[in-house]
N, C-alpha and C. Protein backbone atom coordinates (compact mmCIF):
# COMPACT_ATOMS: atom_id res chain seq x y z
N MET A 1 0.84 -1.18 0.00
CA MET A 1 0.00 0.00 0.00
C MET A 1 0.88 1.24 0.00
N LEU A 2 0.62 2.13 -0.91
CA LEU A 2 1.39 3.36 -1.01
C LEU A 2 0.85 4.40 -0.05
N SER A 3 1.74 5.27 0.40
CA SER A 3 1.31 6.35 1.28
C SER A 3 0.53 7.38 0.47
N LYS A 4 -0.18 8.25 1.15
CA LYS A 4 -0.95 9.28 0.47
C LYS A 4 -0.05 10.23 -0.30
N LYS A 5 1.14 10.49 0.24
CA LYS A 5 2.09 11.38 -0.42
C LYS A 5 2.58 10.76 -1.73
N LYS A 6 2.88 9.48 -1.72
CA LYS A 6 3.34 8.79 -2.93
C LYS A 6 2.21 8.68 -3.95
N GLN A 7 0.99 8.44 -3.49
CA GLN A 7 -0.15 8.38 -4.40
C GLN A 7 -0.38 9.73 -5.08
N ALA A 8 -0.23 10.82 -4.33
CA ALA A 8 -0.41 12.15 -4.89
C ALA A 8 0.67 12.43 -5.95
N LEU A 9 1.90 12.00 -5.69
CA LEU A 9 2.98 12.19 -6.66
C LEU A 9 2.69 11.43 -7.94
N ILE A 10 2.21 10.21 -7.83
CA ILE A 10 1.90 9.41 -9.01
C ILE A 10 0.76 10.05 -9.80
N ARG A 11 -0.26 10.57 -9.10
CA ARG A 11 -1.37 11.26 -9.78
C ARG A 11 -0.86 12.48 -10.54
N ARG A 12 0.02 13.26 -9.91
CA ARG A 12 0.57 14.45 -10.58
C ARG A 12 1.41 14.06 -11.78
N LYS A 13 2.18 12.98 -11.69
CA LYS A 13 2.99 12.51 -12.82
C LYS A 13 2.10 12.15 -14.01
N ILE A 14 1.04 11.41 -13.74
CA ILE A 14 0.14 10.99 -14.82
C ILE A 14 -0.55 12.19 -15.45
N ARG A 15 -1.01 13.12 -14.62
CA ARG A 15 -1.71 14.30 -15.12
C ARG A 15 -0.81 15.16 -16.00
N THR A 16 0.44 15.36 -15.61
CA THR A 16 1.34 16.18 -16.42
C THR A 16 1.82 15.43 -17.65
N LYS A 17 1.96 14.13 -17.57
CA LYS A 17 2.40 13.34 -18.72
C LYS A 17 1.39 13.40 -19.86
N GLU A 18 0.10 13.53 -19.53
CA GLU A 18 -0.93 13.65 -20.56
C GLU A 18 -0.83 14.96 -21.32
N LYS A 19 -0.33 16.01 -20.67
CA LYS A 19 -0.33 17.34 -21.27
C LYS A 19 1.00 17.71 -21.91
N ILE A 20 2.11 17.22 -21.38
CA ILE A 20 3.43 17.62 -21.85
C ILE A 20 3.91 16.66 -22.91
N PHE A 21 4.39 17.22 -24.04
CA PHE A 21 4.86 16.41 -25.16
C PHE A 21 6.04 17.11 -25.81
N GLY A 22 7.12 16.39 -26.02
CA GLY A 22 8.32 16.96 -26.62
C GLY A 22 8.39 16.67 -28.10
N THR A 23 8.84 17.65 -28.88
CA THR A 23 9.00 17.49 -30.32
C THR A 23 10.48 17.65 -30.67
N THR A 24 10.79 17.55 -31.95
CA THR A 24 12.17 17.71 -32.38
C THR A 24 12.64 19.14 -32.16
N ASP A 25 11.77 20.12 -32.43
CA ASP A 25 12.13 21.52 -32.24
C ASP A 25 12.19 21.91 -30.77
N ARG A 26 11.31 21.32 -29.99
CA ARG A 26 11.22 21.66 -28.56
C ARG A 26 11.10 20.38 -27.74
N PRO A 27 12.24 19.74 -27.42
CA PRO A 27 12.18 18.48 -26.69
C PRO A 27 11.73 18.64 -25.24
N ARG A 28 11.37 17.53 -24.64
CA ARG A 28 10.92 17.52 -23.25
C ARG A 28 12.13 17.32 -22.35
N MET A 29 12.31 18.19 -21.38
CA MET A 29 13.39 18.07 -20.41
C MET A 29 12.81 17.42 -19.16
N LEU A 30 13.15 16.17 -18.94
CA LEU A 30 12.59 15.38 -17.85
C LEU A 30 13.53 15.44 -16.64
N PHE A 31 13.02 15.89 -15.51
CA PHE A 31 13.77 16.00 -14.27
C PHE A 31 13.31 14.89 -13.34
N GLN A 32 14.27 14.10 -12.83
CA GLN A 32 13.95 13.03 -11.88
C GLN A 32 14.95 13.11 -10.74
N LYS A 33 14.50 12.72 -9.56
CA LYS A 33 15.42 12.72 -8.42
C LYS A 33 15.19 11.49 -7.56
N SER A 34 16.25 11.08 -6.90
CA SER A 34 16.19 9.99 -5.93
C SER A 34 16.86 10.49 -4.66
N ASN A 35 17.03 9.63 -3.68
CA ASN A 35 17.70 10.04 -2.45
C ASN A 35 19.19 10.26 -2.66
N LYS A 36 19.76 9.64 -3.69
CA LYS A 36 21.20 9.74 -3.93
C LYS A 36 21.58 10.65 -5.08
N TYR A 37 20.80 10.66 -6.15
CA TYR A 37 21.19 11.35 -7.38
C TYR A 37 20.03 12.15 -7.97
N ILE A 38 20.39 13.03 -8.90
CA ILE A 38 19.42 13.79 -9.69
C ILE A 38 19.71 13.50 -11.16
N TYR A 39 18.67 13.25 -11.94
CA TYR A 39 18.82 12.87 -13.34
C TYR A 39 18.06 13.84 -14.24
N VAL A 40 18.59 14.06 -15.45
CA VAL A 40 17.92 14.90 -16.44
C VAL A 40 18.05 14.22 -17.79
N GLN A 41 16.94 14.22 -18.54
CA GLN A 41 16.95 13.70 -19.90
C GLN A 41 16.26 14.70 -20.82
N PHE A 42 16.78 14.82 -22.02
CA PHE A 42 16.13 15.61 -23.06
C PHE A 42 15.56 14.60 -24.06
N LEU A 43 14.23 14.59 -24.19
CA LEU A 43 13.53 13.55 -24.95
C LEU A 43 12.77 14.12 -26.13
N ASP A 44 12.83 13.40 -27.25
CA ASP A 44 12.01 13.71 -28.42
C ASP A 44 10.91 12.66 -28.46
N ASP A 45 9.70 13.04 -28.07
CA ASP A 45 8.60 12.08 -27.95
C ASP A 45 8.04 11.67 -29.31
N THR A 46 8.23 12.46 -30.35
CA THR A 46 7.72 12.07 -31.66
C THR A 46 8.50 10.88 -32.21
N LYS A 47 9.80 10.85 -31.98
CA LYS A 47 10.64 9.74 -32.44
C LYS A 47 10.88 8.70 -31.35
N GLY A 48 10.59 9.05 -30.11
CA GLY A 48 10.83 8.14 -29.01
C GLY A 48 12.30 7.97 -28.69
N LYS A 49 13.07 9.05 -28.80
CA LYS A 49 14.51 8.98 -28.61
C LYS A 49 14.95 9.92 -27.49
N THR A 50 16.02 9.51 -26.81
CA THR A 50 16.67 10.36 -25.83
C THR A 50 17.78 11.12 -26.52
N LEU A 51 17.69 12.45 -26.51
CA LEU A 51 18.70 13.27 -27.17
C LEU A 51 19.93 13.49 -26.30
N LEU A 52 19.70 13.65 -25.00
CA LEU A 52 20.78 13.94 -24.07
C LEU A 52 20.39 13.45 -22.69
N SER A 53 21.33 12.86 -21.99
CA SER A 53 21.09 12.38 -20.64
C SER A 53 22.29 12.74 -19.77
N ILE A 54 22.02 13.30 -18.60
CA ILE A 54 23.10 13.68 -17.68
C ILE A 54 22.57 13.54 -16.26
N SER A 55 23.46 13.23 -15.33
CA SER A 55 23.05 13.07 -13.94
C SER A 55 24.18 13.50 -13.02
N THR A 56 23.86 13.62 -11.74
CA THR A 56 24.90 13.95 -10.78
C THR A 56 25.82 12.75 -10.55
N LYS A 57 25.38 11.57 -10.92
CA LYS A 57 26.23 10.38 -10.84
C LYS A 57 27.40 10.52 -11.82
N VAL A 58 27.13 11.05 -13.01
CA VAL A 58 28.15 11.25 -14.03
C VAL A 58 29.12 12.36 -13.61
N LEU A 59 28.59 13.40 -12.95
CA LEU A 59 29.42 14.53 -12.53
C LEU A 59 30.32 14.18 -11.35
N LYS A 60 30.02 13.08 -10.65
CA LYS A 60 30.81 12.58 -9.51
C LYS A 60 31.00 13.65 -8.43
N LEU A 61 29.89 14.15 -7.94
CA LEU A 61 29.90 15.13 -6.86
C LEU A 61 29.87 14.42 -5.52
N LYS A 62 30.40 15.06 -4.49
CA LYS A 62 30.43 14.44 -3.16
C LYS A 62 29.02 14.32 -2.59
N ASN A 63 28.30 15.42 -2.51
CA ASN A 63 26.88 15.41 -2.10
C ASN A 63 26.07 15.59 -3.37
N SER A 64 25.58 14.51 -3.93
CA SER A 64 25.01 14.57 -5.27
C SER A 64 23.49 14.65 -5.31
N ALA A 65 22.84 14.98 -4.20
CA ALA A 65 21.39 15.09 -4.24
C ALA A 65 20.89 16.33 -3.51
N ASN A 66 21.75 17.33 -3.32
CA ASN A 66 21.30 18.53 -2.63
C ASN A 66 21.09 19.67 -3.63
N ILE A 67 20.77 20.85 -3.13
CA ILE A 67 20.45 21.99 -4.00
C ILE A 67 21.67 22.44 -4.79
N LYS A 68 22.86 22.42 -4.16
CA LYS A 68 24.08 22.81 -4.88
C LYS A 68 24.34 21.88 -6.06
N ALA A 69 24.11 20.60 -5.86
CA ALA A 69 24.28 19.63 -6.94
C ALA A 69 23.26 19.89 -8.05
N ALA A 70 22.04 20.28 -7.69
CA ALA A 70 21.01 20.58 -8.69
C ALA A 70 21.42 21.78 -9.53
N VAL A 71 22.04 22.78 -8.90
CA VAL A 71 22.50 23.96 -9.63
C VAL A 71 23.61 23.58 -10.60
N LEU A 72 24.59 22.80 -10.15
CA LEU A 72 25.69 22.37 -11.02
C LEU A 72 25.18 21.51 -12.18
N LEU A 73 24.22 20.63 -11.88
CA LEU A 73 23.63 19.81 -12.93
C LEU A 73 22.89 20.67 -13.95
N GLY A 74 22.16 21.68 -13.47
CA GLY A 74 21.45 22.58 -14.37
C GLY A 74 22.39 23.35 -15.28
N GLU A 75 23.50 23.82 -14.73
CA GLU A 75 24.48 24.54 -15.55
C GLU A 75 25.07 23.63 -16.62
N ASN A 76 25.48 22.42 -16.22
CA ASN A 76 26.06 21.48 -17.19
C ASN A 76 25.05 21.02 -18.23
N ALA A 77 23.82 20.75 -17.80
CA ALA A 77 22.78 20.32 -18.74
C ALA A 77 22.46 21.43 -19.74
N GLY A 78 22.40 22.67 -19.26
CA GLY A 78 22.14 23.80 -20.15
C GLY A 78 23.24 23.99 -21.17
N LYS A 79 24.48 23.89 -20.74
CA LYS A 79 25.62 24.04 -21.66
C LYS A 79 25.63 22.94 -22.71
N LYS A 80 25.38 21.70 -22.30
CA LYS A 80 25.37 20.59 -23.25
C LYS A 80 24.20 20.71 -24.23
N ALA A 81 23.05 21.16 -23.73
CA ALA A 81 21.89 21.32 -24.60
C ALA A 81 22.15 22.40 -25.65
N ILE A 82 22.73 23.52 -25.23
CA ILE A 82 23.05 24.60 -26.17
C ILE A 82 24.06 24.11 -27.20
N SER A 83 25.06 23.34 -26.78
CA SER A 83 26.05 22.83 -27.73
C SER A 83 25.45 21.84 -28.72
N MET A 84 24.35 21.16 -28.33
CA MET A 84 23.67 20.24 -29.25
C MET A 84 22.64 20.96 -30.12
N GLY A 85 22.42 22.24 -29.89
CA GLY A 85 21.47 23.00 -30.68
C GLY A 85 20.08 23.06 -30.10
N ILE A 86 19.91 22.65 -28.86
CA ILE A 86 18.61 22.71 -28.19
C ILE A 86 18.51 24.05 -27.49
N LYS A 87 17.58 24.91 -27.95
CA LYS A 87 17.44 26.24 -27.37
C LYS A 87 16.15 26.42 -26.59
N GLN A 88 15.12 25.62 -26.93
CA GLN A 88 13.84 25.68 -26.23
C GLN A 88 13.43 24.27 -25.83
N VAL A 89 12.89 24.15 -24.64
CA VAL A 89 12.44 22.85 -24.15
C VAL A 89 11.10 22.99 -23.46
N VAL A 90 10.46 21.85 -23.21
CA VAL A 90 9.27 21.76 -22.39
C VAL A 90 9.72 21.11 -21.09
N PHE A 91 9.50 21.76 -19.96
CA PHE A 91 10.01 21.28 -18.68
C PHE A 91 9.03 20.32 -18.04
N ASP A 92 9.45 19.08 -17.85
CA ASP A 92 8.66 18.05 -17.19
C ASP A 92 9.30 17.79 -15.84
N ARG A 93 8.66 18.26 -14.78
CA ARG A 93 9.24 18.14 -13.44
C ARG A 93 8.80 16.87 -12.74
N SER A 94 8.18 15.97 -13.44
CA SER A 94 7.78 14.63 -12.95
C SER A 94 6.88 14.68 -11.73
N GLY A 95 6.04 15.67 -11.64
CA GLY A 95 5.10 15.75 -10.54
C GLY A 95 5.66 16.37 -9.28
N TYR A 96 6.96 16.70 -9.27
CA TYR A 96 7.55 17.32 -8.09
C TYR A 96 7.10 18.77 -7.98
N ILE A 97 6.93 19.24 -6.77
CA ILE A 97 6.53 20.62 -6.53
C ILE A 97 7.68 21.54 -6.92
N TYR A 98 7.35 22.68 -7.50
CA TYR A 98 8.36 23.60 -8.03
C TYR A 98 8.96 24.44 -6.91
N HIS A 99 9.86 23.85 -6.15
CA HIS A 99 10.63 24.57 -5.13
C HIS A 99 11.85 23.73 -4.79
N GLY A 100 12.81 24.30 -4.10
CA GLY A 100 13.99 23.57 -3.69
C GLY A 100 14.86 23.16 -4.85
N LYS A 101 15.11 21.87 -4.97
CA LYS A 101 15.99 21.34 -6.00
C LYS A 101 15.46 21.59 -7.40
N VAL A 102 14.17 21.44 -7.57
CA VAL A 102 13.57 21.62 -8.90
C VAL A 102 13.71 23.07 -9.35
N ARG A 103 13.41 23.99 -8.46
CA ARG A 103 13.48 25.41 -8.81
C ARG A 103 14.92 25.86 -9.06
N SER A 104 15.86 25.44 -8.23
CA SER A 104 17.25 25.84 -8.42
C SER A 104 17.82 25.24 -9.70
N PHE A 105 17.42 24.00 -10.02
CA PHE A 105 17.83 23.39 -11.28
C PHE A 105 17.29 24.18 -12.48
N ALA A 106 16.00 24.51 -12.43
CA ALA A 106 15.38 25.22 -13.54
C ALA A 106 16.00 26.61 -13.72
N ASP A 107 16.29 27.31 -12.64
CA ASP A 107 16.92 28.62 -12.74
C ASP A 107 18.32 28.52 -13.36
N ALA A 108 19.07 27.48 -13.02
CA ALA A 108 20.41 27.29 -13.57
C ALA A 108 20.36 26.99 -15.06
N VAL A 109 19.37 26.20 -15.48
CA VAL A 109 19.23 25.90 -16.91
C VAL A 109 18.85 27.16 -17.68
N ARG A 110 17.94 27.96 -17.12
CA ARG A 110 17.56 29.22 -17.78
C ARG A 110 18.75 30.17 -17.87
N ALA A 111 19.59 30.20 -16.83
CA ALA A 111 20.77 31.07 -16.85
C ALA A 111 21.77 30.62 -17.92
N SER A 112 21.75 29.35 -18.28
CA SER A 112 22.64 28.84 -19.33
C SER A 112 22.16 29.23 -20.72
N GLY A 113 20.93 29.65 -20.85
CA GLY A 113 20.43 30.12 -22.15
C GLY A 113 19.32 29.30 -22.76
N VAL A 114 18.87 28.25 -22.08
CA VAL A 114 17.77 27.44 -22.58
C VAL A 114 16.45 28.07 -22.14
N LYS A 115 15.51 28.20 -23.07
CA LYS A 115 14.23 28.84 -22.76
C LYS A 115 13.14 27.79 -22.54
N PHE A 116 12.31 28.03 -21.53
CA PHE A 116 11.11 27.22 -21.28
C PHE A 116 10.17 27.95 -20.39
């Protein structure tokens, strides 16, 4: 049996997944987090392909799941996306509330030059 908090997260994920769709011109930037790491993927839903994937596991940070790690991940993800020619994305926060790690990550990506 899932807790009410986990059930609410799953409901939010399903609800946003129905509305958010990534294309070749504007891919979906998927943000996921666990207790240890933070993950980001740039997805083209029309082709079903992952264009870019990066995580704090790859960056090999000491504390890889805190707000500072989210900022570093956002900066690196933004730079790699710009170098691949991705300038606009659709932000999929996976049902997470827009504060803390999610907000600091999004601000860092915007500061790198990616629009959403």
